C-alpha cells in the first residue's frame, strides 16, 4: 500500500504562484509513474503533469493547458512529488490530486488539495 498526502493549495490571485507537495509513504519501491491531476468545479478529473520512470530514465509530460507554466519534480530522498505552478489563471481553479501507479498498474490517490485562483 502507498499513502499520499497533498499540501500547498490555497487562494492566490491571477498571475501568482503556488507549489503543491505530495508526500508518499508505504511501499513505494514499485512505483514507476507519478502525476498530478485536477478536477475543476463541475467537471471531470483531468491530467495535469506526470513523471514516468523506465529503468533509469525519467521523462515528464504536461497537459497543453499548463505547458510552460507548471513544472513537475520529485525529491527521492524525501519521497515527495512537487508541482510548481506559475502564472496561475482563474481556469486553473480545481482540486488537485497526486497519483502514483505501480509496475503492476495499481493506482494510488491522495485526498486532494484545493487551489483557487481569483481574477
PDB file of N, CA and C in Angstrom:
ATOM      1  N   UNK A   1       0.828  -1.200   0.000  1.00  0.00           N
ATOM      2  CA  UNK A   1       0.000   0.000   0.000  1.00  0.00           C
ATOM      3  C   UNK A   1       0.858   1.244   0.000  1.00  0.00           C
ATOM      4  N   UNK A   2       0.340   2.271  -0.626  1.00  0.00           N
ATOM      5  CA  UNK A   2       1.009   3.570  -0.689  1.00  0.00           C
ATOM      6  C   UNK A   2       0.040   4.623  -0.177  1.00  0.00           C
ATOM      7  N   UNK A   3       0.528   5.486   0.687  1.00  0.00           N
ATOM      8  CA  UNK A   3      -0.280   6.601   1.184  1.00  0.00           C
ATOM      9  C   UNK A   3       0.282   7.897   0.621  1.00  0.00           C
ATOM     10  N   UNK A   4      -0.618   8.759   0.152  1.00  0.00           N
ATOM     11  CA  UNK A   4      -0.236  10.033  -0.446  1.00  0.00           C
ATOM     12  C   UNK A   4      -0.972  11.161   0.257  1.00  0.00           C
ATOM     13  N   UNK A   5      -0.229  12.211   0.600  1.00  0.00           N
ATOM     14  CA  UNK A   5      -0.835  13.364   1.267  1.00  0.00           C
ATOM     15  C   UNK A   5      -0.386  14.631   0.544  1.00  0.00           C
ATOM     16  N   UNK A   6      -1.355  15.339  -0.047  1.00  0.00           N
ATOM     17  CA  UNK A   6      -1.062  16.592  -0.739  1.00  0.00           C
ATOM     18  C   UNK A   6      -1.121  17.770   0.227  1.00  0.00           C
ATOM     19  N   UNK A   7      -0.382  18.802  -0.106  1.00  0.00           N
ATOM     20  CA  UNK A   7      -0.431  20.049   0.648  1.00  0.00           C
ATOM     21  C   UNK A   7       0.014  21.180  -0.273  1.00  0.00           C
ATOM     22  N   UNK A   8      -0.211  22.405   0.183  1.00  0.00           N
ATOM     23  CA  UNK A   8       0.266  23.561  -0.566  1.00  0.00           C
ATOM     24  C   UNK A   8      -0.793  24.319  -1.326  1.00  0.00           C
ATOM     25  N   UNK A   9      -2.020  23.816  -1.333  1.00  0.00           N
ATOM     26  CA  UNK A   9      -3.075  24.536  -2.018  1.00  0.00           C
ATOM     27  C   UNK A   9      -3.466  25.801  -1.267  1.00  0.00           C
ATOM     28  N   UNK A  10      -4.308  26.595  -1.919  1.00  0.00           N
ATOM     29  CA  UNK A  10      -4.762  27.825  -1.276  1.00  0.00           C
ATOM     30  C   UNK A  10      -5.385  28.769  -2.260  1.00  0.00           C
ATOM     31  N   UNK A  11      -5.560  30.000  -1.814  1.00  0.00           N
ATOM     32  CA  UNK A  11      -6.146  31.056  -2.627  1.00  0.00           C
ATOM     33  C   UNK A  11      -5.036  31.985  -3.100  1.00  0.00           C
ATOM     34  N   UNK A  12      -5.008  32.258  -4.399  1.00  0.00           N
ATOM     35  CA  UNK A  12      -3.973  33.110  -4.974  1.00  0.00           C
ATOM     36  C   UNK A  12      -4.590  33.962  -6.066  1.00  0.00           C
ATOM     37  N   UNK A  13      -4.036  35.131  -6.278  1.00  0.00           N
ATOM     38  CA  UNK A  13      -4.515  35.988  -7.355  1.00  0.00           C
ATOM     39  C   UNK A  13      -3.959  35.521  -8.692  1.00  0.00           C
ATOM     40  N   UNK A  14      -4.669  35.852  -9.746  1.00  0.00           N
ATOM     41  CA  UNK A  14      -4.196  35.515 -11.087  1.00  0.00           C
ATOM     42  C   UNK A  14      -2.805  36.094 -11.303  1.00  0.00           C
ATOM     43  N   UNK A  15      -1.942  35.283 -11.926  1.00  0.00           N
ATOM     44  CA  UNK A  15      -0.557  35.675 -12.124  1.00  0.00           C
ATOM     45  C   UNK A  15       0.374  35.220 -11.024  1.00  0.00           C
ATOM     46  N   UNK A  16      -0.192  34.742  -9.933  1.00  0.00           N
ATOM     47  CA  UNK A  16       0.610  34.296  -8.808  1.00  0.00           C
ATOM     48  C   UNK A  16       1.108  32.874  -8.964  1.00  0.00           C
ATOM     49  N   UNK A  17       1.761  32.398  -7.905  1.00  0.00           N
ATOM     50  CA  UNK A  17       2.368  31.069  -7.928  1.00  0.00           C
ATOM     51  C   UNK A  17       2.008  30.280  -6.670  1.00  0.00           C
ATOM     52  N   UNK A  18       2.015  28.975  -6.816  1.00  0.00           N
ATOM     53  CA  UNK A  18       1.870  28.056  -5.697  1.00  0.00           C
ATOM     54  C   UNK A  18       2.736  26.838  -5.980  1.00  0.00           C
ATOM     55  N   UNK A  19       3.162  26.174  -4.923  1.00  0.00           N
ATOM     56  CA  UNK A  19       3.857  24.901  -5.076  1.00  0.00           C
ATOM     57  C   UNK A  19       3.124  23.845  -4.271  1.00  0.00           C
ATOM     58  N   UNK A  20       2.654  22.845  -4.959  1.00  0.00           N
ATOM     59  CA  UNK A  20       1.988  21.729  -4.309  1.00  0.00           C
ATOM     60  C   UNK A  20       3.013  20.637  -3.980  1.00  0.00           C
ATOM     61  N   UNK A  21       2.780  19.971  -2.876  1.00  0.00           N
ATOM     62  CA  UNK A  21       3.623  18.850  -2.471  1.00  0.00           C
ATOM     63  C   UNK A  21       2.761  17.619  -2.279  1.00  0.00           C
ATOM     64  N   UNK A  22       3.358  16.469  -2.528  1.00  0.00           N
ATOM     65  CA  UNK A  22       2.683  15.183  -2.327  1.00  0.00           C
ATOM     66  C   UNK A  22       3.674  14.269  -1.616  1.00  0.00           C
ATOM     67  N   UNK A  23       3.440  14.055  -0.340  1.00  0.00           N
ATOM     68  CA  UNK A  23       4.324  13.219   0.463  1.00  0.00           C
ATOM     69  C   UNK A  23       3.844  11.771   0.394  1.00  0.00           C
ATOM     70  N   UNK A  24       4.756  10.878   0.036  1.00  0.00           N
ATOM     71  CA  UNK A  24       4.408   9.470  -0.115  1.00  0.00           C
ATOM     72  C   UNK A  24       5.017   8.635   1.004  1.00  0.00           C
ATOM     73  N   UNK A  25       4.284   7.625   1.417  1.00  0.00           N
ATOM     74  CA  UNK A  25       4.788   6.671   2.403  1.00  0.00           C
ATOM     75  C   UNK A  25       4.248   5.290   2.060  1.00  0.00           C
ATOM     76  N   UNK A  26       4.866   4.282   2.668  1.00  0.00           N
ATOM     77  CA  UNK A  26       4.435   2.913   2.410  1.00  0.00           C
ATOM     78  C   UNK A  26       5.325   2.226   1.387  1.00  0.00           C
ATOM     79  N   UNK A  27       4.756   1.336   0.611  1.00  0.00           N
ATOM     80  CA  UNK A  27       5.512   0.502  -0.335  1.00  0.00           C
ATOM     81  C   UNK A  27       5.662   1.210  -1.677  1.00  0.00           C
ATOM     82  N   UNK A  28       6.592   2.165  -1.747  1.00  0.00           N
ATOM     83  CA  UNK A  28       6.762   2.954  -2.967  1.00  0.00           C
ATOM     84  C   UNK A  28       7.849   2.397  -3.863  1.00  0.00           C
ATOM     85  N   UNK A  29       8.429   1.258  -3.502  1.00  0.00           N
ATOM     86  CA  UNK A  29       9.536   0.721  -4.292  1.00  0.00           C
ATOM     87  C   UNK A  29       9.120   0.422  -5.722  1.00  0.00           C
ATOM     88  N   UNK A  30       7.886  -0.068  -5.895  1.00  0.00           N
ATOM     89  CA  UNK A  30       7.447  -0.477  -7.225  1.00  0.00           C
ATOM     90  C   UNK A  30       6.725   0.595  -8.017  1.00  0.00           C
ATOM     91  N   UNK A  31       6.822   1.833  -7.590  1.00  0.00           N
ATOM     92  CA  UNK A  31       6.131   2.927  -8.287  1.00  0.00           C
ATOM     93  C   UNK A  31       6.954   3.381  -9.486  1.00  0.00           C
ATOM     94  N   UNK A  32       6.346   3.462 -10.663  1.00  0.00           N
ATOM     95  CA  UNK A  32       7.087   3.927 -11.829  1.00  0.00           C
ATOM     96  C   UNK A  32       6.410   5.082 -12.564  1.00  0.00           C
ATOM     97  N   UNK A  33       5.238   5.481 -12.137  1.00  0.00           N
ATOM     98  CA  UNK A  33       4.568   6.626 -12.744  1.00  0.00           C
ATOM     99  C   UNK A  33       3.983   7.484 -11.626  1.00  0.00           C
ATOM    100  N   UNK A  34       4.276   8.776 -11.680  1.00  0.00           N
ATOM    101  CA  UNK A  34       3.758   9.717 -10.692  1.00  0.00           C
ATOM    102  C   UNK A  34       3.177  10.893 -11.442  1.00  0.00           C
ATOM    103  N   UNK A  35       2.087  11.415 -10.923  1.00  0.00           N
ATOM    104  CA  UNK A  35       1.480  12.513 -11.650  1.00  0.00           C
ATOM    105  C   UNK A  35       0.567  13.370 -10.810  1.00  0.00           C
ATOM    106  N   UNK A  36       0.155  14.459 -11.437  1.00  0.00           N
ATOM    107  CA  UNK A  36      -0.814  15.378 -10.849  1.00  0.00           C
ATOM    108  C   UNK A  36      -2.031  15.450 -11.769  1.00  0.00           C
ATOM    109  N   UNK A  37      -3.190  15.432 -11.154  1.00  0.00           N
ATOM    110  CA  UNK A  37      -4.452  15.586 -11.852  1.00  0.00           C
ATOM    111  C   UNK A  37      -5.226  16.695 -11.157  1.00  0.00           C
ATOM    112  N   UNK A  38      -6.254  17.190 -11.811  1.00  0.00           N
ATOM    113  CA  UNK A  38      -7.097  18.193 -11.188  1.00  0.00           C
ATOM    114  C   UNK A  38      -8.539  18.006 -11.612  1.00  0.00           C
ATOM    115  N   UNK A  39      -9.436  18.461 -10.751  1.00  0.00           N
ATOM    116  CA  UNK A  39     -10.862  18.401 -11.046  1.00  0.00           C
ATOM    117  C   UNK A  39     -11.465  19.779 -10.836  1.00  0.00           C
ATOM    118  N   UNK A  40     -11.702  20.512 -11.920  1.00  0.00           N
ATOM    119  CA  UNK A  40     -12.337  21.823 -11.788  1.00  0.00           C
ATOM    120  C   UNK A  40     -13.791  21.672 -11.330  1.00  0.00           C
ATOM    121  N   UNK A  41     -14.378  22.730 -10.803  1.00  0.00           N
ATOM    122  CA  UNK A  41     -15.771  22.650 -10.340  1.00  0.00           C
ATOM    123  C   UNK A  41     -16.707  22.225 -11.457  1.00  0.00           C
ATOM    124  N   UNK A  42     -17.495  21.197 -11.210  1.00  0.00           N
ATOM    125  CA  UNK A  42     -18.478  20.739 -12.174  1.00  0.00           C
ATOM    126  C   UNK A  42     -17.930  19.990 -13.366  1.00  0.00           C
ATOM    127  N   UNK A  43     -16.633  19.673 -13.335  1.00  0.00           N
ATOM    128  CA  UNK A  43     -16.018  18.984 -14.464  1.00  0.00           C
ATOM    129  C   UNK A  43     -15.362  17.681 -14.011  1.00  0.00           C
ATOM    130  N   UNK A  44     -14.944  16.898 -14.993  1.00  0.00           N
ATOM    131  CA  UNK A  44     -14.289  15.639 -14.680  1.00  0.00           C
ATOM    132  C   UNK A  44     -12.815  15.870 -14.362  1.00  0.00           C
ATOM    133  N   UNK A  45     -12.237  14.889 -13.693  1.00  0.00           N
ATOM    134  CA  UNK A  45     -10.820  14.947 -13.367  1.00  0.00           C
ATOM    135  C   UNK A  45     -10.001  14.889 -14.654  1.00  0.00           C
ATOM    136  N   UNK A  46      -8.924  15.686 -14.701  1.00  0.00           N
ATOM    137  CA  UNK A  46      -8.093  15.736 -15.900  1.00  0.00           C
ATOM    138  C   UNK A  46      -6.619  15.679 -15.548  1.00  0.00           C
ATOM    139  N   UNK A  47      -5.847  15.182 -16.477  1.00  0.00           N
ATOM    140  CA  UNK A  47      -4.407  15.073 -16.309  1.00  0.00           C
ATOM    141  C   UNK A  47      -3.762  16.451 -16.361  1.00  0.00           C
ATOM    142  N   UNK A  48      -2.758  16.664 -15.493  1.00  0.00           N
ATOM    143  CA  UNK A  48      -2.021  17.924 -15.478  1.00  0.00           C
ATOM    144  C   UNK A  48      -0.558  17.693 -15.863  1.00  0.00           C
ATOM    145  N   UNK A  49       0.121  16.815 -15.138  1.00  0.00           N
ATOM    146  CA  UNK A  49       1.547  16.591 -15.387  1.00  0.00           C
ATOM    147  C   UNK A  49       1.944  15.230 -14.843  1.00  0.00           C
ATOM    148  N   UNK A  50       2.996  14.634 -15.432  1.00  0.00           N
ATOM    149  CA  UNK A  50       3.420  13.328 -14.994  1.00  0.00           C
ATOM    150  C   UNK A  50       4.899  13.086 -15.164  1.00  0.00           C
ATOM    151  N   UNK A  51       5.420  12.169 -14.356  1.00  0.00           N
ATOM    152  CA  UNK A  51       6.793  11.687 -14.475  1.00  0.00           C
ATOM    153  C   UNK A  51       6.736  10.181 -14.623  1.00  0.00           C
ATOM    154  N   UNK A  52       7.418   9.669 -15.639  1.00  0.00           N
ATOM    155  CA  UNK A  52       7.458   8.233 -15.879  1.00  0.00           C
ATOM    156  C   UNK A  52       8.898   7.754 -15.786  1.00  0.00           C
ATOM    157  N   UNK A  53       9.105   6.678 -15.023  1.00  0.00           N
ATOM    158  CA  UNK A  53      10.440   6.102 -14.886  1.00  0.00           C
ATOM    159  C   UNK A  53      10.492   4.776 -15.629  1.00  0.00           C
ATOM    160  N   UNK A  54      11.385   4.676 -16.574  1.00  0.00           N
ATOM    161  CA  UNK A  54      11.621   3.429 -17.267  1.00  0.00           C
ATOM    162  C   UNK A  54      13.092   3.114 -17.079  1.00  0.00           C
ATOM    163  N   UNK A  55      13.325   2.068 -16.326  1.00  0.00           N
ATOM    164  CA  UNK A  55      14.683   1.733 -15.896  1.00  0.00           C
ATOM    165  C   UNK A  55      15.286   2.947 -15.220  1.00  0.00           C
ATOM    166  N   UNK A  56      16.337   3.528 -15.722  1.00  0.00           N
ATOM    167  CA  UNK A  56      16.982   4.665 -15.067  1.00  0.00           C
ATOM    168  C   UNK A  56      16.663   5.979 -15.759  1.00  0.00           C
ATOM    169  N   UNK A  57      15.755   5.947 -16.723  1.00  0.00           N
ATOM    170  CA  UNK A  57      15.442   7.152 -17.486  1.00  0.00           C
ATOM    171  C   UNK A  57      14.087   7.690 -17.044  1.00  0.00           C
ATOM    172  N   UNK A  58      14.040   8.970 -16.767  1.00  0.00           N
ATOM    173  CA  UNK A  58      12.785   9.618 -16.393  1.00  0.00           C
ATOM    174  C   UNK A  58      12.351  10.566 -17.496  1.00  0.00           C
ATOM    175  N   UNK A  59      11.072  10.676 -17.688  1.00  0.00           N
ATOM    176  CA  UNK A  59      10.528  11.632 -18.646  1.00  0.00           C
ATOM    177  C   UNK A  59       9.334  12.326 -18.027  1.00  0.00           C
ATOM    178  N   UNK A  60       9.097  13.550 -18.432  1.00  0.00           N
ATOM    179  CA  UNK A  60       7.964  14.315 -17.944  1.00  0.00           C
ATOM    180  C   UNK A  60       7.055  14.681 -19.107  1.00  0.00           C
ATOM    181  N   UNK A  61       5.790  14.864 -18.791  1.00  0.00           N
ATOM    182  CA  UNK A  61       4.850  15.351 -19.795  1.00  0.00           C
ATOM    183  C   UNK A  61       3.793  16.197 -19.120  1.00  0.00           C
ATOM    184  N   UNK A  62       3.197  17.086 -19.901  1.00  0.00           N
ATOM    185  CA  UNK A  62       2.261  18.071 -19.383  1.00  0.00           C
ATOM    186  C   UNK A  62       1.040  18.191 -20.273  1.00  0.00           C
ATOM    187  N   UNK A  63      -0.054  18.560 -19.661  1.00  0.00           N
ATOM    188  CA  UNK A  63      -1.218  18.947 -20.441  1.00  0.00           C
ATOM    189  C   UNK A  63      -0.889  20.241 -21.180  1.00  0.00           C
ATOM    190  N   UNK A  64      -1.445  20.402 -22.370  1.00  0.00           N
ATOM    191  CA  UNK A  64      -1.171  21.599 -23.166  1.00  0.00           C
ATOM    192  C   UNK A  64      -1.533  22.871 -22.400  1.00  0.00           C
ATOM    193  N   UNK A  65      -2.561  22.799 -21.585  1.00  0.00           N
ATOM    194  CA  UNK A  65      -3.056  23.991 -20.892  1.00  0.00           C
ATOM    195  C   UNK A  65      -2.083  24.512 -19.833  1.00  0.00           C
ATOM    196  N   UNK A  66      -1.116  23.688 -19.412  1.00  0.00           N
ATOM    197  CA  UNK A  66      -0.199  24.124 -18.353  1.00  0.00           C
ATOM    198  C   UNK A  66       1.254  24.173 -18.811  1.00  0.00           C
ATOM    199  N   UNK A  67       1.519  23.755 -20.034  1.00  0.00           N
ATOM    200  CA  UNK A  67       2.902  23.762 -20.534  1.00  0.00           C
ATOM    201  C   UNK A  67       3.504  25.156 -20.447  1.00  0.00           C
ATOM    202  N   UNK A  68       4.732  25.224 -19.946  1.00  0.00           N
ATOM    203  CA  UNK A  68       5.417  26.498 -19.816  1.00  0.00           C
ATOM    204  C   UNK A  68       5.091  27.242 -18.539  1.00  0.00           C
ATOM    205  N   UNK A  69       4.074  26.794 -17.816  1.00  0.00           N
ATOM    206  CA  UNK A  69       3.689  27.459 -16.559  1.00  0.00           C
ATOM    207  C   UNK A  69       3.889  26.561 -15.346  1.00  0.00           C
ATOM    208  N   UNK A  70       3.660  25.267 -15.510  1.00  0.00           N
ATOM    209  CA  UNK A  70       3.769  24.308 -14.403  1.00  0.00           C
ATOM    210  C   UNK A  70       4.999  23.433 -14.602  1.00  0.00           C
ATOM    211  N   UNK A  71       5.607  23.036 -13.494  1.00  0.00           N
ATOM    212  CA  UNK A  71       6.758  22.137 -13.529  1.00  0.00           C
ATOM    213  C   UNK A  71       6.580  21.039 -12.484  1.00  0.00           C
ATOM    214  N   UNK A  72       6.680  19.796 -12.930  1.00  0.00           N
ATOM    215  CA  UNK A  72       6.600  18.672 -12.013  1.00  0.00           C
ATOM    216  C   UNK A  72       8.017  18.230 -11.675  1.00  0.00           C
ATOM    217  N   UNK A  73       8.230  17.878 -10.415  1.00  0.00           N
ATOM    218  CA  UNK A  73       9.543  17.414  -9.994  1.00  0.00           C
ATOM    219  C   UNK A  73       9.381  16.492  -8.790  1.00  0.00           C
ATOM    220  N   UNK A  74      10.457  15.849  -8.401  1.00  0.00           N
ATOM    221  CA  UNK A  74      10.390  14.946  -7.259  1.00  0.00           C
ATOM    222  C   UNK A  74      11.694  15.002  -6.468  1.00  0.00           C
ATOM    223  N   UNK A  75      11.577  14.675  -5.211  1.00  0.00           N
ATOM    224  CA  UNK A  75      12.731  14.562  -4.330  1.00  0.00           C
ATOM    225  C   UNK A  75      12.707  13.138  -3.794  1.00  0.00           C
ATOM    226  N   UNK A  76      13.559  12.288  -4.353  1.00  0.00           N
ATOM    227  CA  UNK A  76      13.534  10.878  -3.959  1.00  0.00           C
ATOM    228  C   UNK A  76      13.903  10.691  -2.494  1.00  0.00           C
ATOM    229  N   UNK A  77      14.807  11.519  -2.009  1.00  0.00           N
ATOM    230  CA  UNK A  77      15.238  11.383  -0.616  1.00  0.00           C
ATOM    231  C   UNK A  77      14.090  11.660   0.356  1.00  0.00           C
ATOM    232  N   UNK A  78      13.187  12.537  -0.049  1.00  0.00           N
ATOM    233  CA  UNK A  78      12.052  12.894   0.801  1.00  0.00           C
ATOM    234  C   UNK A  78      10.772  12.175   0.398  1.00  0.00           C
ATOM    235  N   UNK A  79      10.850  11.328  -0.626  1.00  0.00           N
ATOM    236  CA  UNK A  79       9.648  10.640  -1.145  1.00  0.00           C
ATOM    237  C   UNK A  79       8.519  11.627  -1.400  1.00  0.00           C
ATOM    238  N   UNK A  80       8.857  12.721  -2.043  1.00  0.00           N
ATOM    239  CA  UNK A  80       7.884  13.791  -2.249  1.00  0.00           C
ATOM    240  C   UNK A  80       7.858  14.204  -3.718  1.00  0.00           C
ATOM    241  N   UNK A  81       6.654  14.400  -4.207  1.00  0.00           N
ATOM    242  CA  UNK A  81       6.406  14.893  -5.559  1.00  0.00           C
ATOM    243  C   UNK A  81       5.936  16.335  -5.452  1.00  0.00           C
ATOM    244  N   UNK A  82       6.376  17.165  -6.386  1.00  0.00           N
ATOM    245  CA  UNK A  82       6.017  18.574  -6.355  1.00  0.00           C
ATOM    246  C   UNK A  82       5.358  19.002  -7.661  1.00  0.00           C
ATOM    247  N   UNK A  83       4.592  20.075  -7.567  1.00  0.00           N
ATOM    248  CA  UNK A  83       4.073  20.735  -8.755  1.00  0.00           C
ATOM    249  C   UNK A  83       4.218  22.235  -8.527  1.00  0.00           C
ATOM    250  N   UNK A  84       5.161  22.835  -9.232  1.00  0.00           N
ATOM    251  CA  UNK A  84       5.334  24.280  -9.176  1.00  0.00           C
ATOM    252  C   UNK A  84       4.413  24.898 -10.209  1.00  0.00           C
ATOM    253  N   UNK A  85       3.546  25.784  -9.756  1.00  0.00           N
ATOM    254  CA  UNK A  85       2.562  26.400 -10.636  1.00  0.00           C
ATOM    255  C   UNK A  85       2.802  27.898 -10.670  1.00  0.00           C
ATOM    256  N   UNK A  86       3.150  28.401 -11.832  1.00  0.00           N
ATOM    257  CA  UNK A  86       3.392  29.828 -12.029  1.00  0.00           C
ATOM    258  C   UNK A  86       2.373  30.408 -12.993  1.00  0.00           C
ATOM    259  N   UNK A  87       2.277  31.729 -12.993  1.00  0.00           N
ATOM    260  CA  UNK A  87       1.354  32.423 -13.905  1.00  0.00           C
ATOM    261  C   UNK A  87      -0.038  31.815 -13.844  1.00  0.00           C
ATOM    262  N   UNK A  88      -0.526  31.635 -12.648  1.00  0.00           N
ATOM    263  CA  UNK A  88      -1.819  30.976 -12.470  1.00  0.00           C
ATOM    264  C   UNK A  88      -2.954  31.794 -13.052  1.00  0.00           C
ATOM    265  N   UNK A  89      -3.940  31.071 -13.570  1.00  0.00           N
ATOM    266  CA  UNK A  89      -5.112  31.671 -14.190  1.00  0.00           C
ATOM    267  C   UNK A  89      -6.355  31.209 -13.448  1.00  0.00           C
ATOM    268  N   UNK A  90      -7.441  31.980 -13.534  1.00  0.00           N
ATOM    269  CA  UNK A  90      -8.681  31.531 -12.872  1.00  0.00           C
ATOM    270  C   UNK A  90      -9.117  30.142 -13.321  1.00  0.00           C
ATOM    271  N   UNK A  91      -8.845  29.787 -14.555  1.00  0.00           N
ATOM    272  CA  UNK A  91      -9.233  28.461 -15.056  1.00  0.00           C
ATOM    273  C   UNK A  91      -8.387  27.331 -14.477  1.00  0.00           C
ATOM    274  N   UNK A  92      -7.361  27.662 -13.719  1.00  0.00           N
ATOM    275  CA  UNK A  92      -6.590  26.636 -13.010  1.00  0.00           C
ATOM    276  C   UNK A  92      -7.252  26.241 -11.689  1.00  0.00           C
ATOM    277  N   UNK A  93      -8.318  26.943 -11.323  1.00  0.00           N
ATOM    278  CA  UNK A  93      -9.033  26.626 -10.089  1.00  0.00           C
ATOM    279  C   UNK A  93      -9.565  25.195 -10.134  1.00  0.00           C
ATOM    280  N   UNK A  94      -9.213  24.411  -9.136  1.00  0.00           N
ATOM    281  CA  UNK A  94      -9.597  22.998  -9.117  1.00  0.00           C
ATOM    282  C   UNK A  94      -9.112  22.358  -7.819  1.00  0.00           C
ATOM    283  N   UNK A  95      -9.586  21.154  -7.587  1.00  0.00           N
ATOM    284  CA  UNK A  95      -8.971  20.308  -6.567  1.00  0.00           C
ATOM    285  C   UNK A  95      -7.864  19.518  -7.263  1.00  0.00           C
ATOM    286  N   UNK A  96      -6.668  19.599  -6.714  1.00  0.00           N
ATOM    287  CA  UNK A  96      -5.512  18.943  -7.315  1.00  0.00           C
ATOM    288  C   UNK A  96      -5.189  17.667  -6.539  1.00  0.00           C
ATOM    289  N   UNK A  97      -4.973  16.601  -7.301  1.00  0.00           N
ATOM    290  CA  UNK A  97      -4.675  15.300  -6.725  1.00  0.00           C
ATOM    291  C   UNK A  97      -3.334  14.781  -7.238  1.00  0.00           C
ATOM    292  N   UNK A  98      -2.576  14.145  -6.368  1.00  0.00           N
ATOM    293  CA  UNK A  98      -1.414  13.425  -6.866  1.00  0.00           C
ATOM    294  C   UNK A  98      -1.787  11.953  -6.991  1.00  0.00           C
ATOM    295  N   UNK A  99      -1.102  11.291  -7.897  1.00  0.00           N
ATOM    296  CA  UNK A  99      -1.389   9.884  -8.169  1.00  0.00           C
ATOM    297  C   UNK A  99      -0.094   9.151  -8.444  1.00  0.00           C
ATOM    298  N   UNK A 100       0.043   7.988  -7.852  1.00  0.00           N
ATOM    299  CA  UNK A 100       1.174   7.103  -8.108  1.00  0.00           C
ATOM    300  C   UNK A 100       0.628   5.811  -8.717  1.00  0.00           C
ATOM    301  N   UNK A 101       1.384   5.270  -9.668  1.00  0.00           N
ATOM    302  CA  UNK A 101       0.994   3.982 -10.260  1.00  0.00           C
ATOM    303  C   UNK A 101       2.155   3.010 -10.163  1.00  0.00           C
ATOM    304  N   UNK A 102       1.849   1.806  -9.749  1.00  0.00           N
ATOM    305  CA  UNK A 102       2.901   0.807  -9.586  1.00  0.00           C
ATOM    306  C   UNK A 102       3.158   0.068 -10.897  1.00  0.00           C
ATOM    307  N   UNK A 103       4.236  -0.713 -10.902  1.00  0.00           N
ATOM    308  CA  UNK A 103       4.568  -1.519 -12.077  1.00  0.00           C
ATOM    309  C   UNK A 103       3.508  -2.587 -12.336  1.00  0.00           C
ATOM    310  N   UNK A 104       2.668  -2.832 -11.351  1.00  0.00           N
ATOM    311  CA  UNK A 104       1.553  -3.770 -11.519  1.00  0.00           C
ATOM    312  C   UNK A 104       0.252  -3.048 -11.854  1.00  0.00           C
ATOM    313  N   UNK A 105       0.379  -1.765 -12.242  1.00  0.00           N
ATOM    314  CA  UNK A 105      -0.758  -0.958 -12.684  1.00  0.00           C
ATOM    315  C   UNK A 105      -1.798  -0.743 -11.587  1.00  0.00           C
ATOM    316  N   UNK A 106      -1.348  -0.662 -10.347  1.00  0.00           N
ATOM    317  CA  UNK A 106      -2.217  -0.279  -9.243  1.00  0.00           C
ATOM    318  C   UNK A 106      -2.079   1.225  -9.041  1.00  0.00           C
ATOM    319  N   UNK A 107      -3.195   1.929  -9.005  1.00  0.00           N
ATOM    320  CA  UNK A 107      -3.192   3.389  -8.848  1.00  0.00           C
ATOM    321  C   UNK A 107      -3.507   3.787  -7.414  1.00  0.00           C
ATOM    322  N   UNK A 108      -2.757   4.741  -6.925  1.00  0.00           N
ATOM    323  CA  UNK A 108      -2.984   5.301  -5.592  1.00  0.00           C
ATOM    324  C   UNK A 108      -3.251   6.798  -5.744  1.00  0.00           C
ATOM    325  N   UNK A 109      -4.153   7.312  -4.916  1.00  0.00           N
ATOM    326  CA  UNK A 109      -4.529   8.721  -4.987  1.00  0.00           C
ATOM    327  C   UNK A 109      -4.442   9.363  -3.607  1.00  0.00           C
ATOM    328  N   UNK A 110      -4.107  10.648  -3.627  1.00  0.00           N
ATOM    329  CA  UNK A 110      -4.180  11.430  -2.415  1.00  0.00           C
ATOM    330  C   UNK A 110      -5.596  11.943  -2.219  1.00  0.00           C
ATOM    331  N   UNK A 111      -5.780  12.707  -1.145  1.00  0.00           N
ATOM    332  CA  UNK A 111      -7.121  13.200  -0.813  1.00  0.00           C
ATOM    333  C   UNK A 111      -7.465  14.493  -1.540  1.00  0.00           C
ATOM    334  N   UNK A 112      -6.462  15.125  -2.141  1.00  0.00           N
ATOM    335  CA  UNK A 112      -6.704  16.353  -2.884  1.00  0.00           C
ATOM    336  C   UNK A 112      -6.435  17.605  -2.083  1.00  0.00           C
ATOM    337  N   UNK A 113      -6.065  18.662  -2.796  1.00  0.00           N
ATOM    338  CA  UNK A 113      -5.863  19.966  -2.170  1.00  0.00           C
ATOM    339  C   UNK A 113      -6.475  21.024  -3.079  1.00  0.00           C
ATOM    340  N   UNK A 114      -7.190  21.971  -2.486  1.00  0.00           N
ATOM    341  CA  UNK A 114      -7.933  22.967  -3.259  1.00  0.00           C
ATOM    342  C   UNK A 114      -7.006  24.104  -3.676  1.00  0.00           C
ATOM    343  N   UNK A 115      -7.072  24.440  -4.955  1.00  0.00           N
ATOM    344  CA  UNK A 115      -6.383  25.617  -5.486  1.00  0.00           C
ATOM    345  C   UNK A 115      -7.447  26.538  -6.073  1.00  0.00           C
ATOM    346  N   UNK A 116      -7.472  27.778  -5.589  1.00  0.00           N
ATOM    347  CA  UNK A 116      -8.432  28.761  -6.078  1.00  0.00           C
ATOM    348  C   UNK A 116      -7.664  29.974  -6.569  1.00  0.00           C
ATOM    349  N   UNK A 117      -7.900  30.332  -7.821  1.00  0.00           N
ATOM    350  CA  UNK A 117      -7.223  31.480  -8.420  1.00  0.00           C
ATOM    351  C   UNK A 117      -8.267  32.553  -8.686  1.00  0.00           C
ATOM    352  N   UNK A 118      -8.099  33.697  -8.057  1.00  0.00           N
ATOM    353  CA  UNK A 118      -9.052  34.795  -8.222  1.00  0.00           C
ATOM    354  C   UNK A 118      -8.602  35.721  -9.346  1.00  0.00           C
ATOM    355  N   UNK A 119      -9.585  36.306 -10.004  1.00  0.00           N
ATOM    356  CA  UNK A 119      -9.261  37.192 -11.142  1.00  0.00           C
ATOM    357  C   UNK A 119      -9.070  38.617 -10.680  1.00  0.00           C
TER     358      UNK A 119
END
